[in-house]
PDB file of N, CA and C in Angstrom:
ATOM      1  N   UNK A   1      55.343 116.753 132.795  1.00  0.00           N
ATOM      2  CA  UNK A   1      55.704 116.649 131.392  1.00  0.00           C
ATOM      3  C   UNK A   1      54.836 115.574 130.740  1.00  0.00           C
ATOM      4  N   UNK A   2      54.508 115.781 129.493  1.00  0.00           N
ATOM      5  CA  UNK A   2      53.643 114.869 128.758  1.00  0.00           C
ATOM      6  C   UNK A   2      54.330 113.526 128.537  1.00  0.00           C
ATOM      7  N   UNK A   3      53.531 112.457 128.641  1.00  0.00           N
ATOM      8  CA  UNK A   3      54.089 111.139 128.361  1.00  0.00           C
ATOM      9  C   UNK A   3      54.178 110.880 126.856  1.00  0.00           C
ATOM     10  N   UNK A   4      53.734 111.833 126.036  1.00  0.00           N
ATOM     11  CA  UNK A   4      53.856 111.719 124.585  1.00  0.00           C
ATOM     12  C   UNK A   4      55.210 112.192 124.067  1.00  0.00           C
ATOM     13  N   UNK A   5      55.976 112.871 124.919  1.00  0.00           N
ATOM     14  CA  UNK A   5      57.268 113.403 124.477  1.00  0.00           C
ATOM     15  C   UNK A   5      58.175 112.321 123.890  1.00  0.00           C
ATOM     16  N   UNK A   6      58.345 111.161 124.541  1.00  0.00           N
ATOM     17  CA  UNK A   6      59.206 110.133 123.937  1.00  0.00           C
ATOM     18  C   UNK A   6      58.696 109.671 122.567  1.00  0.00           C
ATOM     19  N   UNK A   7      57.380 109.592 122.425  1.00  0.00           N
ATOM     20  CA  UNK A   7      56.806 109.193 121.138  1.00  0.00           C
ATOM     21  C   UNK A   7      57.143 110.211 120.054  1.00  0.00           C
ATOM     22  N   UNK A   8      56.901 111.495 120.347  1.00  0.00           N
ATOM     23  CA  UNK A   8      57.176 112.545 119.361  1.00  0.00           C
ATOM     24  C   UNK A   8      58.672 112.673 119.067  1.00  0.00           C
ATOM     25  N   UNK A   9      59.501 112.483 120.074  1.00  0.00           N
ATOM     26  CA  UNK A   9      60.951 112.504 119.852  1.00  0.00           C
ATOM     27  C   UNK A   9      61.370 111.377 118.908  1.00  0.00           C
ATOM     28  N   UNK A  10      60.843 110.185 119.145  1.00  0.00           N
ATOM     29  CA  UNK A  10      61.154 109.050 118.278  1.00  0.00           C
ATOM     30  C   UNK A  10      60.638 109.247 116.865  1.00  0.00           C
ATOM     31  N   UNK A  11      59.458 109.848 116.757  1.00  0.00           N
ATOM     32  CA  UNK A  11      58.860 110.112 115.447  1.00  0.00           C
ATOM     33  C   UNK A  11      59.724 111.073 114.646  1.00  0.00           C
ATOM     34  N   UNK A  12      60.121 112.184 115.268  1.00  0.00           N
ATOM     35  CA  UNK A  12      60.939 113.162 114.538  1.00  0.00           C
ATOM     36  C   UNK A  12      62.332 112.614 114.243  1.00  0.00           C
ATOM     37  N   UNK A  13      62.892 111.835 115.152  1.00  0.00           N
ATOM     38  CA  UNK A  13      64.193 111.208 114.886  1.00  0.00           C
ATOM     39  C   UNK A  13      64.108 110.288 113.670  1.00  0.00           C
ATOM     40  N   UNK A  14      63.054 109.487 113.597  1.00  0.00           N
ATOM     41  CA  UNK A  14      62.901 108.557 112.477  1.00  0.00           C
ATOM     42  C   UNK A  14      62.677 109.296 111.163  1.00  0.00           C
ATOM     43  N   UNK A  15      62.063 110.471 111.216  1.00  0.00           N
ATOM     44  CA  UNK A  15      61.843 111.249 109.994  1.00  0.00           C
ATOM     45  C   UNK A  15      63.142 111.779 109.411  1.00  0.00           C
ATOM     46  N   UNK A  16      64.065 112.164 110.272  1.00  0.00           N
ATOM     47  CA  UNK A  16      65.232 112.900 109.792  1.00  0.00           C
ATOM     48  C   UNK A  16      66.539 112.129 109.844  1.00  0.00           C
ATOM     49  N   UNK A  17      66.555 110.912 110.350  1.00  0.00           N
ATOM     50  CA  UNK A  17      67.765 110.100 110.304  1.00  0.00           C
ATOM     51  C   UNK A  17      67.961 109.575 108.887  1.00  0.00           C
ATOM     52  N   UNK A  18      69.192 109.551 108.393  1.00  0.00           N
ATOM     53  CA  UNK A  18      69.410 109.065 107.024  1.00  0.00           C
ATOM     54  C   UNK A  18      68.925 107.627 106.812  1.00  0.00           C
ATOM     55  N   UNK A  19      69.128 106.775 107.790  1.00  0.00           N
ATOM     56  CA  UNK A  19      68.712 105.374 107.688  1.00  0.00           C
ATOM     57  C   UNK A  19      68.001 104.987 108.979  1.00  0.00           C
ATOM     58  N   UNK A  20      66.716 105.304 109.078  1.00  0.00           N
ATOM     59  CA  UNK A  20      66.009 105.001 110.323  1.00  0.00           C
ATOM     60  C   UNK A  20      65.931 103.499 110.560  1.00  0.00           C
ATOM     61  N   UNK A  21      65.894 103.122 111.814  1.00  0.00           N
ATOM     62  CA  UNK A  21      65.818 101.713 112.187  1.00  0.00           C
ATOM     63  C   UNK A  21      64.460 101.117 111.841  1.00  0.00           C
ATOM     64  N   UNK A  22      63.509 101.945 111.603  1.00  0.00           N
ATOM     65  CA  UNK A  22      62.147 101.504 111.322  1.00  0.00           C
ATOM     66  C   UNK A  22      61.188 102.522 111.879  1.00  0.00           C
ATOM     67  N   UNK A  23      59.950 102.131 111.976  1.00  0.00           N
ATOM     68  CA  UNK A  23      58.971 103.064 112.519  1.00  0.00           C
ATOM     69  C   UNK A  23      59.216 103.228 114.009  1.00  0.00           C
ATOM     70  N   UNK A  24      58.882 104.382 114.566  1.00  0.00           N
ATOM     71  CA  UNK A  24      59.095 104.601 115.994  1.00  0.00           C
ATOM     72  C   UNK A  24      58.242 103.669 116.840  1.00  0.00           C
ATOM     73  N   UNK A  25      58.656 103.463 118.073  1.00  0.00           N
ATOM     74  CA  UNK A  25      57.870 102.657 119.003  1.00  0.00           C
ATOM     75  C   UNK A  25      56.470 103.235 119.109  1.00  0.00           C
ATOM     76  N   UNK A  26      55.493 102.363 119.218  1.00  0.00           N
ATOM     77  CA  UNK A  26      54.120 102.817 119.342  1.00  0.00           C
ATOM     78  C   UNK A  26      53.330 102.658 118.056  1.00  0.00           C
ATOM     79  N   UNK A  27      54.004 102.390 116.943  1.00  0.00           N
ATOM     80  CA  UNK A  27      53.328 102.162 115.670  1.00  0.00           C
ATOM     81  C   UNK A  27      53.180 100.660 115.454  1.00  0.00           C
ATOM     82  N   UNK A  28      52.053 100.225 114.899  1.00  0.00           N
ATOM     83  CA  UNK A  28      51.958  98.810 114.534  1.00  0.00           C
ATOM     84  C   UNK A  28      52.926  98.496 113.394  1.00  0.00           C
ATOM     85  N   UNK A  29      53.355  97.258 113.318  1.00  0.00           N
ATOM     86  CA  UNK A  29      54.348  96.865 112.311  1.00  0.00           C
ATOM     87  C   UNK A  29      53.871  97.148 110.894  1.00  0.00           C
ATOM     88  N   UNK A  30      52.575  97.041 110.633  1.00  0.00           N
ATOM     89  CA  UNK A  30      52.066  97.269 109.271  1.00  0.00           C
ATOM     90  C   UNK A  30      52.139  98.735 108.856  1.00  0.00           C
ATOM     91  N   UNK A  31      52.469  99.611 109.784  1.00  0.00           N
ATOM     92  CA  UNK A  31      52.535 101.041 109.476  1.00  0.00           C
ATOM     93  C   UNK A  31      53.862 101.440 108.834  1.00  0.00           C
ATOM     94  N   UNK A  32      54.803 100.525 108.712  1.00  0.00           N
ATOM     95  CA  UNK A  32      56.132 100.868 108.183  1.00  0.00           C
ATOM     96  C   UNK A  32      56.048 101.454 106.779  1.00  0.00           C
ATOM     97  N   UNK A  33      55.237 100.869 105.927  1.00  0.00           N
ATOM     98  CA  UNK A  33      55.110 101.371 104.555  1.00  0.00           C
ATOM     99  C   UNK A  33      54.489 102.762 104.545  1.00  0.00           C
ATOM    100  N   UNK A  34      53.450 102.961 105.335  1.00  0.00           N
ATOM    101  CA  UNK A  34      52.806 104.277 105.401  1.00  0.00           C
ATOM    102  C   UNK A  34      53.757 105.319 105.970  1.00  0.00           C
ATOM    103  N   UNK A  35      54.551 104.936 106.956  1.00  0.00           N
ATOM    104  CA  UNK A  35      55.513 105.869 107.532  1.00  0.00           C
ATOM    105  C   UNK A  35      56.568 106.254 106.495  1.00  0.00           C
ATOM    106  N   UNK A  36      57.002 105.300 105.684  1.00  0.00           N
ATOM    107  CA  UNK A  36      57.986 105.590 104.636  1.00  0.00           C
ATOM    108  C   UNK A  36      57.421 106.595 103.631  1.00  0.00           C
ATOM    109  N   UNK A  37      56.151 106.463 103.296  1.00  0.00           N
ATOM    110  CA  UNK A  37      55.513 107.419 102.387  1.00  0.00           C
ATOM    111  C   UNK A  37      55.463 108.796 103.035  1.00  0.00           C
ATOM    112  N   UNK A  38      55.067 108.840 104.302  1.00  0.00           N
ATOM    113  CA  UNK A  38      54.993 110.119 105.016  1.00  0.00           C
ATOM    114  C   UNK A  38      56.375 110.760 105.091  1.00  0.00           C
ATOM    115  N   UNK A  39      57.379 109.956 105.403  1.00  0.00           N
ATOM    116  CA  UNK A  39      58.761 110.452 105.510  1.00  0.00           C
ATOM    117  C   UNK A  39      59.216 111.052 104.182  1.00  0.00           C
ATOM    118  N   UNK A  40      58.911 110.372 103.087  1.00  0.00           N
ATOM    119  CA  UNK A  40      59.272 110.879 101.769  1.00  0.00           C
ATOM    120  C   UNK A  40      58.559 112.204 101.483  1.00  0.00           C
ATOM    121  N   UNK A  41      57.289 112.294 101.841  1.00  0.00           N
ATOM    122  CA  UNK A  41      56.540 113.537 101.617  1.00  0.00           C
ATOM    123  C   UNK A  41      57.113 114.698 102.424  1.00  0.00           C
ATOM    124  N   UNK A  42      57.531 114.435 103.646  1.00  0.00           N
ATOM    125  CA  UNK A  42      58.147 115.481 104.471  1.00  0.00           C
ATOM    126  C   UNK A  42      59.432 115.964 103.812  1.00  0.00           C
ATOM    127  N   UNK A  43      60.273 115.033 103.393  1.00  0.00           N
ATOM    128  CA  UNK A  43      61.541 115.411 102.754  1.00  0.00           C
ATOM    129  C   UNK A  43      61.294 116.179 101.458  1.00  0.00           C
ATOM    130  N   UNK A  44      60.331 115.735 100.669  1.00  0.00           N
ATOM    131  CA  UNK A  44      60.018 116.428  99.409  1.00  0.00           C
ATOM    132  C   UNK A  44      59.528 117.844  99.689  1.00  0.00           C
ATOM    133  N   UNK A  45      58.700 117.997 100.711  1.00  0.00           N
ATOM    134  CA  UNK A  45      58.209 119.325 101.072  1.00  0.00           C
ATOM    135  C   UNK A  45      59.333 120.255 101.499  1.00  0.00           C
ATOM    136  N   UNK A  46      60.293 119.730 102.233  1.00  0.00           N
ATOM    137  CA  UNK A  46      61.432 120.546 102.653  1.00  0.00           C
ATOM    138  C   UNK A  46      62.303 120.939 101.458  1.00  0.00           C
ATOM    139  N   UNK A  47      62.508 120.007 100.546  1.00  0.00           N
ATOM    140  CA  UNK A  47      63.291 120.309  99.343  1.00  0.00           C
ATOM    141  C   UNK A  47      62.582 121.367  98.505  1.00  0.00           C
ATOM    142  N   UNK A  48      61.275 121.227  98.350  1.00  0.00           N
ATOM    143  CA  UNK A  48      60.509 122.214  97.578  1.00  0.00           C
ATOM    144  C   UNK A  48      60.569 123.594  98.221  1.00  0.00           C
ATOM    145  N   UNK A  49      60.511 123.635  99.549  1.00  0.00           N
ATOM    146  CA  UNK A  49      60.593 124.923 100.250  1.00  0.00           C
ATOM    147  C   UNK A  49      61.958 125.572 100.032  1.00  0.00           C
ATOM    148  N   UNK A  50      63.019 124.775 100.100  1.00  0.00           N
ATOM    149  CA  UNK A  50      64.359 125.310  99.840  1.00  0.00           C
ATOM    150  C   UNK A  50      64.500 125.787  98.398  1.00  0.00           C
ATOM    151  N   UNK A  51      63.947 125.024  97.461  1.00  0.00           N
ATOM    152  CA  UNK A  51      64.027 125.411  96.047  1.00  0.00           C
ATOM    153  C   UNK A  51      63.294 126.723  95.798  1.00  0.00           C
ATOM    154  N   UNK A  52      62.167 126.916  96.467  1.00  0.00           N
ATOM    155  CA  UNK A  52      61.412 128.163  96.307  1.00  0.00           C
ATOM    156  C   UNK A  52      62.156 129.340  96.929  1.00  0.00           C
ATOM    157  N   UNK A  53      62.845 129.089  98.032  1.00  0.00           N
ATOM    158  CA  UNK A  53      63.558 130.167  98.724  1.00  0.00           C
ATOM    159  C   UNK A  53      64.895 130.497  98.060  1.00  0.00           C
ATOM    160  N   UNK A  54      65.513 129.502  97.424  1.00  0.00           N
ATOM    161  CA  UNK A  54      66.846 129.685  96.845  1.00  0.00           C
ATOM    162  C   UNK A  54      66.899 129.203  95.392  1.00  0.00           C
ATOM    163  N   UNK A  55      66.145 129.820  94.492  1.00  0.00           N
ATOM    164  CA  UNK A  55      66.121 129.346  93.101  1.00  0.00           C
ATOM    165  C   UNK A  55      67.471 129.484  92.390  1.00  0.00           C
ATOM    166  N   UNK A  56      68.241 130.492  92.755  1.00  0.00           N
ATOM    167  CA  UNK A  56      69.543 130.681  92.107  1.00  0.00           C
ATOM    168  C   UNK A  56      70.501 129.560  92.486  1.00  0.00           C
ATOM    169  N   UNK A  57      70.497 129.167  93.743  1.00  0.00           N
ATOM    170  CA  UNK A  57      71.354 128.062  94.185  1.00  0.00           C
ATOM    171  C   UNK A  57      70.958 126.788  93.448  1.00  0.00           C
ATOM    172  N   UNK A  58      69.655 126.542  93.339  1.00  0.00           N
ATOM    173  CA  UNK A  58      69.193 125.351  92.623  1.00  0.00           C
ATOM    174  C   UNK A  58      69.674 125.372  91.179  1.00  0.00           C
ATOM    175  N   UNK A  59      69.614 126.533  90.543  1.00  0.00           N
ATOM    176  CA  UNK A  59      70.057 126.643  89.153  1.00  0.00           C
ATOM    177  C   UNK A  59      71.569 126.432  89.040  1.00  0.00           C
ATOM    178  N   UNK A  60      72.332 126.944  90.008  1.00  0.00           N
ATOM    179  CA  UNK A  60      73.790 126.803  89.976  1.00  0.00           C
ATOM    180  C   UNK A  60      74.244 125.359  90.178  1.00  0.00           C
ATOM    181  N   UNK A  61      73.628 124.668  91.125  1.00  0.00           N
ATOM    182  CA  UNK A  61      74.091 123.317  91.456  1.00  0.00           C
ATOM    183  C   UNK A  61      73.380 122.235  90.659  1.00  0.00           C
ATOM    184  N   UNK A  62      72.234 122.550  90.089  1.00  0.00           N
ATOM    185  CA  UNK A  62      71.485 121.579  89.301  1.00  0.00           C
ATOM    186  C   UNK A  62      70.469 120.812  90.128  1.00  0.00           C
ATOM    187  N   UNK A  63      69.468 120.331  89.442  1.00  0.00           N
ATOM    188  CA  UNK A  63      68.362 119.639  90.101  1.00  0.00           C
ATOM    189  C   UNK A  63      68.813 118.352  90.784  1.00  0.00           C
ATOM    190  N   UNK A  64      69.706 117.598  90.154  1.00  0.00           N
ATOM    191  CA  UNK A  64      70.150 116.330  90.742  1.00  0.00           C
ATOM    192  C   UNK A  64      70.857 116.532  92.073  1.00  0.00           C
ATOM    193  N   UNK A  65      71.663 117.561  92.174  1.00  0.00           N
ATOM    194  CA  UNK A  65      72.383 117.828  93.418  1.00  0.00           C
ATOM    195  C   UNK A  65      71.470 118.468  94.453  1.00  0.00           C
ATOM    196  N   UNK A  66      70.598 119.348  94.004  1.00  0.00           N
ATOM    197  CA  UNK A  66      69.754 120.086  94.919  1.00  0.00           C
ATOM    198  C   UNK A  66      68.758 119.152  95.563  1.00  0.00           C
TER     199      UNK A  66
END
């Protein structure tokens, strides 16, 4: 098994946890800001994909909720 698995597991956990503890192990401390930007872009991309797939739901619940 690859020794990168723990790194990738930590990376994906940090992306999708509501309040991540910080950047995953293996990142330099100065990468925290860049990781936060990347995390935001991932979340925005997922929201945009859902909005494109379910425009009626977005219209029903409103942009703020969606």
